Amino acid sequence: MAIIKGNVRQTSSVTRVAEGTENYMRMLRDGTVGIADLIALWSLEGRVFTVSAGAATTGATFAAGALDTSEFDLHIAIPASVVVIPLSWQITFDAYGATGIVECCLQYGTGSVIGTATADVPTSSNASAGIASACTCNVASSSGTALTTVEEEIWHDGLQAGITRASGGAAISPCKFKFNAKDDGVLHIIGPSQQIVGFTAANVGTGFFQFKYAELPVSSVE
């Protein structure tokens, strides 16, 4: 029978060695093996990125009216060299405009083209790692070309009637919507050479969002 041993490093004995150095597994004093979460490992490596719309007190203006698949609130073009794994997308509405349906939707596929848009450079979870995203990311795209092939719609949420609270009024609708891959129980491996598109449709929606994804070389998933 194989015996697994490691170094007990629970409190003051925690050490870190140079990159690439052989080391023993870290254990607690009761023999429990310390295992890092996969997303935490990607984050330390600098392979988790964030795309955002709106910041601080200045919200973004989302595509107005019914969901239009050629008006992207989020568009990520994945090149041939990498794959992308969506981790989370948190959307916060400041206002919905007139009362009406609200739809938040995340799809991926091929054939989409952005129109007039705002470029957003993804920020790394560990800037010191020196890894930049290879993807081209845009928000607030209008007059684009919808996906010609939708491989999958991985998330859809919304409200039958989003109500913006009037000053001093009582009526109010939930304002936060979130996709979380851990809750979904599935990691979607998207790419290479595909696009992720997201929509935050309301009558005249304004607000903020943060989309987080892991980006890996194609060779790591083949």
Protein backbone atom coordinates (compact mmCIF):
# COMPACT_ATOMS: atom_id res chain seq x y z
CA MET A 1 0.00 0.00 0.00
CA ALA A 2 1.35 3.40 -0.96
CA ILE A 3 2.01 5.89 1.84
CA ILE A 4 1.51 9.56 1.09
CA LYS A 5 3.55 12.00 3.13
CA GLY A 6 3.92 15.73 3.10
CA ASN A 7 5.22 18.59 5.19
CA VAL A 8 3.00 19.80 8.02
CA ARG A 9 2.67 23.51 7.32
CA GLN A 10 -0.41 24.87 9.07
CA THR A 11 0.68 28.12 10.75
CA SER A 12 4.23 29.40 11.27
CA SER A 13 5.90 26.76 9.09
CA VAL A 14 4.26 27.89 5.85
CA THR A 15 7.00 28.56 3.28
CA ARG A 16 7.23 29.24 -0.43
CA VAL A 17 9.95 28.00 -2.73
CA ALA A 18 11.19 29.25 -6.09
CA GLU A 19 9.13 28.61 -9.21
CA GLY A 20 9.83 25.17 -10.68
CA THR A 21 11.38 23.77 -7.47
CA GLU A 22 10.37 20.31 -6.27
CA ASN A 23 8.42 20.46 -3.02
CA TYR A 24 6.38 18.28 -0.70
CA MET A 25 2.63 18.42 -0.44
CA ARG A 26 1.35 20.76 2.24
CA MET A 27 -0.62 19.12 5.05
CA LEU A 28 -2.41 20.17 8.22
CA ARG A 29 -1.43 18.66 11.57
CA ASP A 30 -4.25 16.12 11.37
CA GLY A 31 -2.93 14.80 8.06
CA THR A 32 -5.41 16.67 5.82
CA VAL A 33 -3.85 17.47 2.45
CA GLY A 34 -4.06 21.11 1.38
CA ILE A 35 -5.62 21.28 -2.07
CA ALA A 36 -6.00 24.55 -3.96
CA ASP A 37 -9.20 25.30 -5.87
CA LEU A 38 -8.76 25.13 -9.66
CA ILE A 39 -9.98 28.72 -10.14
CA ALA A 40 -7.63 29.89 -7.38
CA LEU A 41 -4.72 28.25 -9.22
CA TRP A 42 -5.69 29.94 -12.48
CA SER A 43 -5.95 33.25 -10.61
CA LEU A 44 -2.47 32.91 -9.13
CA GLU A 45 -1.14 32.09 -12.58
CA GLY A 46 -2.71 35.29 -13.93
CA ARG A 47 -5.08 33.48 -16.28
CA VAL A 48 -8.36 34.89 -14.92
CA PHE A 49 -9.52 38.14 -16.53
CA THR A 50 -12.28 40.68 -15.95
CA VAL A 51 -14.22 42.71 -18.53
CA SER A 52 -16.40 45.47 -17.10
CA ALA A 53 -18.95 48.09 -18.06
CA GLY A 54 -19.50 51.14 -15.89
CA ALA A 55 -17.42 52.09 -12.86
CA ALA A 56 -17.91 53.77 -9.47
CA THR A 57 -20.81 56.24 -9.86
CA THR A 58 -20.91 56.24 -13.67
CA GLY A 59 -23.05 53.45 -15.05
CA ALA A 60 -23.07 52.10 -18.58
CA THR A 61 -26.04 52.46 -20.94
CA PHE A 62 -27.28 49.03 -21.99
CA ALA A 63 -28.98 48.20 -25.30
CA ALA A 64 -32.50 49.64 -25.18
CA GLY A 65 -35.74 47.81 -25.89
CA ALA A 66 -36.35 44.14 -26.56
CA LEU A 67 -33.38 41.80 -26.81
CA ASP A 68 -31.67 42.35 -30.16
CA THR A 69 -29.08 39.70 -31.01
CA SER A 70 -27.09 42.19 -33.11
CA GLU A 71 -26.67 44.65 -30.20
CA PHE A 72 -24.13 43.19 -27.81
CA ASP A 73 -23.69 44.49 -24.30
CA LEU A 74 -20.73 42.10 -24.12
CA HIS A 75 -18.69 40.68 -27.00
CA ILE A 76 -15.54 38.58 -26.65
CA ALA A 77 -13.74 37.36 -29.77
CA ILE A 78 -11.59 34.32 -29.01
CA PRO A 79 -8.58 33.77 -31.33
CA ALA A 80 -7.27 30.43 -32.59
CA SER A 81 -4.60 30.17 -29.89
CA VAL A 82 -6.72 30.03 -26.73
CA VAL A 83 -9.94 28.81 -25.15
CA VAL A 84 -12.10 30.72 -22.68
CA ILE A 85 -14.01 29.40 -19.67
CA PRO A 86 -16.72 31.78 -18.38
CA LEU A 87 -16.61 31.92 -14.58
CA SER A 88 -19.13 34.60 -13.64
CA TRP A 89 -21.13 37.53 -14.94
CA GLN A 90 -22.66 39.92 -12.41
CA ILE A 91 -25.07 42.54 -13.73
CA THR A 92 -26.42 45.40 -11.61
CA PHE A 93 -29.15 47.62 -13.01
CA ASP A 94 -29.39 51.23 -11.81
CA ALA A 95 -32.60 51.69 -13.78
CA TYR A 96 -34.81 49.80 -16.21
CA GLY A 97 -36.60 52.71 -17.85
CA ALA A 98 -40.29 52.16 -18.46
CA THR A 99 -41.78 49.01 -16.97
CA GLY A 100 -41.19 46.05 -19.27
CA ILE A 101 -39.48 42.71 -19.75
CA VAL A 102 -35.84 42.36 -18.67
CA GLU A 103 -33.62 39.70 -20.24
CA CYS A 104 -30.02 38.78 -19.40
CA CYS A 105 -28.54 36.23 -21.77
CA LEU A 106 -25.14 34.64 -22.44
CA GLN A 107 -24.42 32.70 -25.65
CA TYR A 108 -21.45 31.52 -27.68
CA GLY A 109 -20.92 30.50 -31.28
CA THR A 110 -19.47 31.83 -34.52
CA GLY A 111 -20.13 34.47 -37.17
CA SER A 112 -20.80 37.54 -35.03
CA VAL A 113 -19.27 40.90 -35.87
CA ILE A 114 -19.25 43.92 -33.59
CA GLY A 115 -20.55 47.25 -34.83
CA THR A 116 -19.95 50.55 -33.09
CA ALA A 117 -18.58 49.53 -29.69
CA THR A 118 -16.44 50.45 -26.70
CA ALA A 119 -13.25 48.42 -26.38
CA ASP A 120 -12.36 47.11 -22.94
CA VAL A 121 -8.92 45.72 -22.13
CA PRO A 122 -9.36 42.75 -19.76
CA THR A 123 -7.53 43.03 -16.44
CA SER A 124 -5.60 40.04 -15.09
CA SER A 125 -6.19 38.49 -11.69
CA ASN A 126 -2.43 38.70 -11.12
CA ALA A 127 -0.83 41.52 -13.04
CA SER A 128 2.60 40.48 -11.73
CA ALA A 129 2.37 37.26 -13.76
CA GLY A 130 2.73 39.31 -16.94
CA ILE A 131 0.06 37.41 -18.91
CA ALA A 132 -2.25 39.45 -21.15
CA SER A 133 -5.52 38.18 -22.60
CA ALA A 134 -5.38 37.26 -26.26
CA CYS A 135 -9.10 37.99 -26.67
CA THR A 136 -10.64 41.11 -28.16
CA CYS A 137 -13.29 42.41 -25.77
CA ASN A 138 -15.95 45.05 -26.37
CA VAL A 139 -18.99 46.39 -24.55
CA ALA A 140 -21.97 48.46 -25.73
CA SER A 141 -21.87 47.31 -29.35
CA SER A 142 -24.65 48.43 -31.69
CA SER A 143 -25.43 47.69 -35.34
CA GLY A 144 -23.38 44.51 -35.36
CA THR A 145 -23.96 41.09 -36.90
CA ALA A 146 -25.55 38.41 -34.73
CA LEU A 147 -24.04 34.97 -34.27
CA THR A 148 -24.73 33.01 -37.45
CA THR A 149 -24.30 29.78 -35.47
CA VAL A 150 -25.30 29.65 -31.80
CA GLU A 151 -23.47 26.69 -30.29
CA GLU A 152 -25.17 27.10 -26.93
CA GLU A 153 -27.04 29.53 -24.71
CA ILE A 154 -25.42 28.89 -21.37
CA TRP A 155 -27.43 31.31 -19.21
CA HIS A 156 -30.71 33.23 -19.34
CA ASP A 157 -32.35 35.23 -16.55
CA GLY A 158 -34.67 38.20 -16.26
CA LEU A 159 -37.97 39.66 -15.12
CA GLN A 160 -41.45 39.74 -16.59
CA ALA A 161 -41.58 43.42 -15.66
CA GLY A 162 -38.63 45.45 -14.47
CA ILE A 163 -39.86 48.44 -12.44
CA THR A 164 -37.58 51.39 -11.73
CA ARG A 165 -38.26 52.83 -8.29
CA ALA A 166 -39.63 56.37 -8.49
CA SER A 167 -38.36 58.94 -6.02
CA GLY A 168 -40.07 58.12 -2.75
CA GLY A 169 -42.07 55.34 -4.39
CA ALA A 170 -42.49 51.82 -3.07
CA ALA A 171 -42.42 49.75 -6.27
CA ILE A 172 -39.03 48.23 -7.00
CA SER A 173 -37.71 45.19 -8.84
CA PRO A 174 -34.62 43.09 -8.10
CA CYS A 175 -31.61 44.77 -9.67
CA LYS A 176 -28.93 42.07 -9.60
CA PHE A 177 -28.52 39.08 -11.91
CA LYS A 178 -25.56 36.69 -11.80
CA PHE A 179 -24.23 33.76 -13.74
CA ASN A 180 -21.83 31.63 -11.71
CA ALA A 181 -20.14 28.58 -13.24
CA LYS A 182 -19.75 26.94 -9.83
CA ASP A 183 -23.49 27.16 -9.23
CA ASP A 184 -24.13 25.91 -12.75
CA GLY A 185 -21.90 22.90 -12.09
CA VAL A 186 -20.36 23.06 -15.57
CA LEU A 187 -17.24 24.68 -17.01
CA HIS A 188 -17.94 25.53 -20.65
CA ILE A 189 -14.76 25.33 -22.75
CA ILE A 190 -15.33 27.90 -25.51
CA GLY A 191 -13.10 28.38 -28.52
CA PRO A 192 -10.85 28.50 -30.30
CA SER A 193 -12.09 30.91 -32.99
CA GLN A 194 -15.50 31.49 -31.42
CA GLN A 195 -17.28 34.44 -29.85
CA ILE A 196 -19.04 34.95 -26.51
CA VAL A 197 -21.94 37.41 -26.62
CA GLY A 198 -23.98 38.81 -23.76
CA PHE A 199 -27.17 40.84 -23.58
CA THR A 200 -28.71 42.96 -20.79
CA ALA A 201 -31.99 44.01 -22.38
CA ALA A 202 -34.46 46.40 -20.75
CA ASN A 203 -36.55 49.37 -21.89
CA VAL A 204 -33.75 51.87 -21.20
CA GLY A 205 -31.37 49.99 -18.93
CA THR A 206 -28.37 51.52 -17.20
CA GLY A 207 -25.96 49.98 -14.74
CA PHE A 208 -22.78 47.98 -14.31
CA PHE A 209 -21.40 44.53 -14.98
CA GLN A 210 -18.26 42.48 -14.43
CA PHE A 211 -17.61 39.39 -16.56
CA LYS A 212 -14.83 37.07 -15.34
CA TYR A 213 -13.29 34.31 -17.39
CA ALA A 214 -10.30 31.97 -17.45
CA GLU A 215 -8.18 31.89 -20.58
CA LEU A 216 -5.98 28.89 -21.38
CA PRO A 217 -3.79 27.83 -24.29
CA VAL A 218 -5.56 25.45 -26.66
CA SER A 219 -2.91 22.82 -25.93
CA SER A 220 -4.06 22.62 -22.28
CA VAL A 221 -7.49 21.23 -23.20
CA GLU A 222 -6.76 19.13 -26.29
